[in-house]
N, C-alpha and C. Protein backbone atom coordinates (compact mmCIF):
# COMPACT_ATOMS: atom_id res chain seq x y z
N MET A 1 -51.68 -33.16 33.31
CA MET A 1 -50.83 -32.56 32.33
C MET A 1 -51.00 -30.99 32.40
N VAL A 2 -49.95 -30.35 32.36
CA VAL A 2 -49.94 -28.84 32.52
C VAL A 2 -49.30 -28.28 31.27
N VAL A 3 -49.88 -27.28 30.67
CA VAL A 3 -49.46 -26.47 29.44
C VAL A 3 -49.35 -25.15 29.71
N ALA A 4 -48.27 -24.35 29.34
CA ALA A 4 -48.07 -23.00 29.32
C ALA A 4 -48.00 -22.42 27.90
N VAL A 5 -48.84 -21.42 27.70
CA VAL A 5 -48.90 -20.82 26.35
C VAL A 5 -48.59 -19.35 26.48
N ASN A 6 -47.54 -18.91 25.71
CA ASN A 6 -47.22 -17.52 25.63
C ASN A 6 -48.34 -16.63 25.22
N ASN A 7 -48.73 -15.67 25.91
CA ASN A 7 -49.85 -14.71 25.52
C ASN A 7 -49.58 -14.00 24.12
N THR A 8 -48.47 -13.63 24.02
CA THR A 8 -48.12 -12.72 22.75
C THR A 8 -47.88 -13.67 21.42
N THR A 9 -47.34 -14.71 21.50
CA THR A 9 -46.99 -15.55 20.31
C THR A 9 -47.96 -16.78 20.21
N ASP A 10 -48.69 -17.04 21.23
CA ASP A 10 -49.49 -18.16 21.30
C ASP A 10 -48.70 -19.52 21.00
N LYS A 11 -47.46 -19.53 21.42
CA LYS A 11 -46.58 -20.63 21.24
C LYS A 11 -46.58 -21.50 22.57
N ILE A 12 -46.48 -22.76 22.57
CA ILE A 12 -46.49 -23.66 23.67
C ILE A 12 -45.13 -23.60 24.23
N PHE A 13 -44.83 -23.42 25.54
CA PHE A 13 -43.53 -23.56 26.09
C PHE A 13 -43.03 -24.96 26.24
N LYS A 14 -41.84 -25.19 25.90
CA LYS A 14 -41.17 -26.49 26.06
C LYS A 14 -40.10 -26.33 27.08
N PHE A 15 -40.18 -27.07 28.15
CA PHE A 15 -38.98 -26.81 29.29
C PHE A 15 -38.06 -27.92 29.39
N LYS A 16 -36.72 -27.67 29.21
CA LYS A 16 -35.69 -28.64 29.44
C LYS A 16 -34.75 -28.06 30.37
N LYS A 17 -34.66 -28.61 31.51
CA LYS A 17 -33.67 -28.12 32.77
C LYS A 17 -33.78 -26.80 32.89
N GLY A 18 -35.06 -26.23 33.06
CA GLY A 18 -35.17 -24.90 33.36
C GLY A 18 -35.23 -23.86 32.35
N LYS A 19 -35.08 -24.34 31.15
CA LYS A 19 -35.13 -23.39 29.95
C LYS A 19 -36.36 -23.71 29.08
N TYR A 20 -36.57 -22.79 28.24
CA TYR A 20 -37.89 -23.08 27.34
C TYR A 20 -37.38 -22.63 25.95
N ASN A 21 -38.17 -23.32 25.09
CA ASN A 21 -37.92 -23.09 23.65
C ASN A 21 -39.31 -22.78 23.02
N LEU A 22 -39.51 -21.65 22.41
CA LEU A 22 -40.59 -21.28 21.76
C LEU A 22 -40.74 -21.91 20.40
N LYS A 23 -39.78 -22.32 19.82
CA LYS A 23 -39.85 -22.88 18.37
C LYS A 23 -40.60 -24.16 18.33
N GLU A 24 -40.59 -24.92 19.34
CA GLU A 24 -41.09 -26.27 19.39
C GLU A 24 -42.33 -26.33 20.33
N LYS A 25 -43.27 -26.96 19.83
CA LYS A 25 -44.44 -27.18 20.68
C LYS A 25 -44.44 -28.45 21.53
N ALA A 26 -44.67 -28.34 22.80
CA ALA A 26 -44.59 -29.53 23.71
C ALA A 26 -45.46 -29.12 25.00
N VAL A 27 -45.80 -30.15 25.76
CA VAL A 27 -46.43 -30.00 26.96
C VAL A 27 -45.84 -30.49 28.05
N TRP A 28 -46.04 -30.22 29.19
CA TRP A 28 -45.52 -30.89 30.51
C TRP A 28 -46.08 -32.16 30.61
N LYS A 29 -45.09 -33.17 31.16
CA LYS A 29 -45.53 -34.48 31.44
C LYS A 29 -46.49 -34.69 32.60
N SER A 30 -46.20 -33.90 33.59
CA SER A 30 -46.97 -33.96 34.76
C SER A 30 -47.00 -32.57 35.53
N LYS A 31 -47.89 -32.45 36.42
CA LYS A 31 -47.88 -31.30 37.36
C LYS A 31 -46.51 -31.23 38.15
N THR A 32 -46.05 -32.37 38.61
CA THR A 32 -44.73 -32.34 39.23
C THR A 32 -43.52 -31.94 38.53
N ALA A 33 -43.51 -32.26 37.17
CA ALA A 33 -42.46 -31.87 36.33
C ALA A 33 -42.64 -30.51 36.10
N PHE A 34 -43.82 -29.78 35.98
CA PHE A 34 -43.98 -28.37 35.87
C PHE A 34 -43.49 -27.59 37.07
N ILE A 35 -43.79 -28.05 38.19
CA ILE A 35 -43.32 -27.40 39.36
C ILE A 35 -41.81 -27.64 39.54
N GLU A 36 -41.20 -28.79 39.37
CA GLU A 36 -39.87 -28.92 39.36
C GLU A 36 -38.89 -28.00 38.32
N ASP A 37 -39.53 -27.90 37.26
CA ASP A 37 -38.68 -27.23 36.27
C ASP A 37 -38.94 -25.71 36.51
N THR A 38 -39.98 -25.25 36.99
CA THR A 38 -40.18 -23.92 37.42
C THR A 38 -39.26 -23.58 38.53
N LEU A 39 -39.13 -24.51 39.38
CA LEU A 39 -38.28 -24.22 40.69
C LEU A 39 -36.80 -24.25 40.14
N GLU A 40 -36.37 -24.94 39.26
CA GLU A 40 -35.05 -25.06 38.67
C GLU A 40 -34.84 -23.62 38.01
N VAL A 41 -35.71 -23.02 37.29
CA VAL A 41 -35.49 -21.75 36.72
C VAL A 41 -35.40 -20.69 37.76
N ILE A 42 -36.01 -20.73 38.73
CA ILE A 42 -36.01 -19.65 39.82
C ILE A 42 -34.66 -19.82 40.51
N ILE A 43 -34.28 -21.03 40.86
CA ILE A 43 -32.99 -21.16 41.61
C ILE A 43 -31.88 -20.76 40.61
N SER A 44 -31.81 -21.07 39.33
CA SER A 44 -30.78 -20.67 38.46
C SER A 44 -30.60 -19.33 38.28
N GLU A 45 -31.96 -18.61 38.19
CA GLU A 45 -31.82 -16.99 38.14
C GLU A 45 -31.25 -16.48 39.24
N SER A 46 -31.53 -16.99 40.44
CA SER A 46 -30.93 -16.40 41.76
C SER A 46 -29.53 -16.36 41.85
N ALA A 47 -28.73 -17.24 40.96
CA ALA A 47 -27.36 -17.15 40.92
C ALA A 47 -26.78 -17.41 42.45
N HIS A 48 -26.03 -16.38 42.74
CA HIS A 48 -25.30 -16.32 44.23
C HIS A 48 -26.14 -15.85 45.24
N LEU A 49 -27.32 -15.42 44.95
CA LEU A 49 -28.31 -15.02 46.14
C LEU A 49 -28.89 -16.18 46.80
N GLU A 50 -29.55 -16.00 47.96
CA GLU A 50 -30.35 -17.08 48.55
C GLU A 50 -31.60 -17.20 47.71
N ALA A 51 -31.91 -18.39 47.14
CA ALA A 51 -33.06 -18.59 46.46
C ALA A 51 -34.33 -18.21 46.91
N SER A 52 -34.58 -18.43 48.34
CA SER A 52 -35.90 -18.04 48.82
C SER A 52 -35.98 -16.47 48.90
N VAL A 53 -34.96 -15.85 49.29
CA VAL A 53 -34.91 -14.48 49.40
C VAL A 53 -35.31 -13.83 47.83
N TYR A 54 -34.53 -14.36 46.86
CA TYR A 54 -34.73 -13.97 45.57
C TYR A 54 -36.15 -14.05 45.03
N ALA A 55 -36.59 -15.27 45.29
CA ALA A 55 -38.04 -15.54 44.93
C ALA A 55 -39.08 -14.65 45.42
N LYS A 56 -38.83 -14.37 46.84
CA LYS A 56 -39.80 -13.39 47.45
C LYS A 56 -39.74 -11.97 47.04
N CYS A 57 -38.43 -11.55 46.84
CA CYS A 57 -38.23 -10.18 46.41
C CYS A 57 -38.65 -9.92 44.89
N TYR A 58 -38.20 -10.75 44.12
CA TYR A 58 -38.46 -10.44 42.67
C TYR A 58 -39.81 -11.07 42.11
N TYR A 59 -40.27 -12.13 42.76
CA TYR A 59 -41.52 -12.79 42.10
C TYR A 59 -42.61 -12.77 43.13
N ASP A 60 -42.38 -12.42 44.36
CA ASP A 60 -43.36 -12.67 45.51
C ASP A 60 -43.89 -14.04 45.65
N ILE A 61 -42.91 -14.86 45.36
CA ILE A 61 -43.18 -16.43 45.57
C ILE A 61 -42.46 -16.84 46.90
N LYS A 62 -43.10 -17.69 47.66
CA LYS A 62 -42.47 -18.19 48.86
C LYS A 62 -41.94 -19.60 48.55
N LEU A 63 -40.66 -19.73 48.64
CA LEU A 63 -40.03 -21.14 48.63
C LEU A 63 -39.76 -21.50 49.99
N LYS A 64 -40.15 -22.79 50.32
CA LYS A 64 -40.12 -23.42 51.42
C LYS A 64 -38.92 -24.27 51.38
N ARG A 65 -38.38 -24.73 52.64
CA ARG A 65 -37.36 -25.79 52.79
C ARG A 65 -37.94 -27.23 53.12
N SER A 66 -37.75 -28.24 52.47
CA SER A 66 -38.38 -29.48 52.72
C SER A 66 -37.62 -29.91 54.11
N GLU A 67 -38.48 -30.44 54.84
CA GLU A 67 -38.12 -31.07 56.24
C GLU A 67 -37.30 -32.45 56.06
N MET A 68 -37.92 -33.23 55.17
CA MET A 68 -37.32 -34.48 54.84
C MET A 68 -35.99 -34.38 54.02
N GLU A 69 -36.07 -33.63 53.05
CA GLU A 69 -35.02 -33.56 52.14
C GLU A 69 -34.28 -32.13 52.13
N ASP A 70 -32.86 -32.17 51.73
CA ASP A 70 -32.38 -30.72 51.79
C ASP A 70 -32.65 -29.97 50.42
N ARG A 71 -33.71 -29.54 50.42
CA ARG A 71 -34.10 -28.81 48.96
C ARG A 71 -35.34 -27.85 49.25
N TYR A 72 -35.43 -26.96 48.15
CA TYR A 72 -36.48 -26.11 48.26
C TYR A 72 -37.86 -26.88 47.64
N VAL A 73 -39.12 -26.26 48.16
CA VAL A 73 -40.26 -26.81 47.65
C VAL A 73 -41.03 -25.47 47.18
N LEU A 74 -41.73 -25.74 46.12
CA LEU A 74 -42.62 -24.81 45.55
C LEU A 74 -43.91 -25.18 45.47
N SER A 75 -45.07 -24.53 45.50
CA SER A 75 -46.38 -24.87 45.43
C SER A 75 -46.89 -24.75 44.06
N TYR A 76 -47.83 -25.38 43.51
CA TYR A 76 -48.21 -25.36 42.20
C TYR A 76 -48.83 -23.92 42.09
N ASP A 77 -49.66 -23.47 42.83
CA ASP A 77 -50.11 -22.04 42.68
C ASP A 77 -49.08 -21.15 42.42
N ASP A 78 -47.96 -21.13 43.19
CA ASP A 78 -46.77 -20.10 42.85
C ASP A 78 -46.16 -20.38 41.48
N ALA A 79 -45.99 -21.60 41.13
CA ALA A 79 -45.52 -21.95 39.78
C ALA A 79 -46.36 -21.46 38.72
N VAL A 80 -47.74 -21.46 38.94
CA VAL A 80 -48.64 -20.89 37.81
C VAL A 80 -48.50 -19.32 38.00
N ARG A 81 -48.27 -18.69 39.04
CA ARG A 81 -48.23 -17.27 39.20
C ARG A 81 -46.93 -16.79 38.56
N TYR A 82 -45.92 -17.51 38.73
CA TYR A 82 -44.57 -17.00 38.09
C TYR A 82 -44.72 -17.11 36.57
N TRP A 83 -45.30 -18.11 35.93
CA TRP A 83 -45.54 -18.06 34.55
C TRP A 83 -46.42 -17.12 34.08
N LYS A 84 -47.55 -16.95 34.80
CA LYS A 84 -48.54 -16.00 34.38
C LYS A 84 -48.06 -14.41 34.58
N ASN A 85 -47.46 -14.20 35.54
CA ASN A 85 -47.11 -12.81 35.72
C ASN A 85 -45.80 -12.31 35.29
N TYR A 86 -44.76 -13.40 35.14
CA TYR A 86 -43.47 -12.92 34.81
C TYR A 86 -43.16 -13.53 33.53
N CYS A 87 -43.80 -14.39 32.86
CA CYS A 87 -43.38 -14.81 31.58
C CYS A 87 -44.51 -14.78 30.51
N ASP A 88 -45.58 -13.91 30.88
CA ASP A 88 -46.57 -13.51 30.10
C ASP A 88 -47.27 -14.83 29.47
N ALA A 89 -47.60 -15.77 30.29
CA ALA A 89 -48.02 -17.14 29.78
C ALA A 89 -49.49 -17.46 30.48
N ARG A 90 -50.32 -18.11 29.74
CA ARG A 90 -51.42 -18.64 30.22
C ARG A 90 -51.17 -20.22 30.67
N VAL A 91 -51.50 -20.65 31.77
CA VAL A 91 -51.25 -21.99 32.19
C VAL A 91 -52.52 -22.73 32.34
N TYR A 92 -52.57 -23.91 31.65
CA TYR A 92 -53.72 -24.78 31.86
C TYR A 92 -53.32 -26.08 32.30
N GLN A 93 -54.19 -26.68 33.24
CA GLN A 93 -54.06 -27.99 33.73
C GLN A 93 -55.13 -28.88 32.94
N ILE A 94 -54.48 -29.81 32.25
CA ILE A 94 -55.56 -30.91 31.51
C ILE A 94 -55.49 -32.11 32.30
N ALA A 95 -56.73 -32.79 32.48
CA ALA A 95 -56.77 -33.91 33.38
C ALA A 95 -55.96 -35.00 32.82
């Protein structure tokens, strides 16, 4: 399980389809859900730009293309870096 906590408000992030709600407390269901929701946020922010270029330029995150599927792949470390550096959040992985 992965938890992201805002540094300023100490609220726990709840993510639904790439959005977060600071009013409710919630945790990620899994490491995979954390990565997938973070990837959705980055892709939605990129709008009409190429998502991999946007992620590299704005967040210094490398998005890779999956060989098996036609989709982007994001590493766990890059997802943590996104929330830590750009959303001012602490990220914890709980067993």
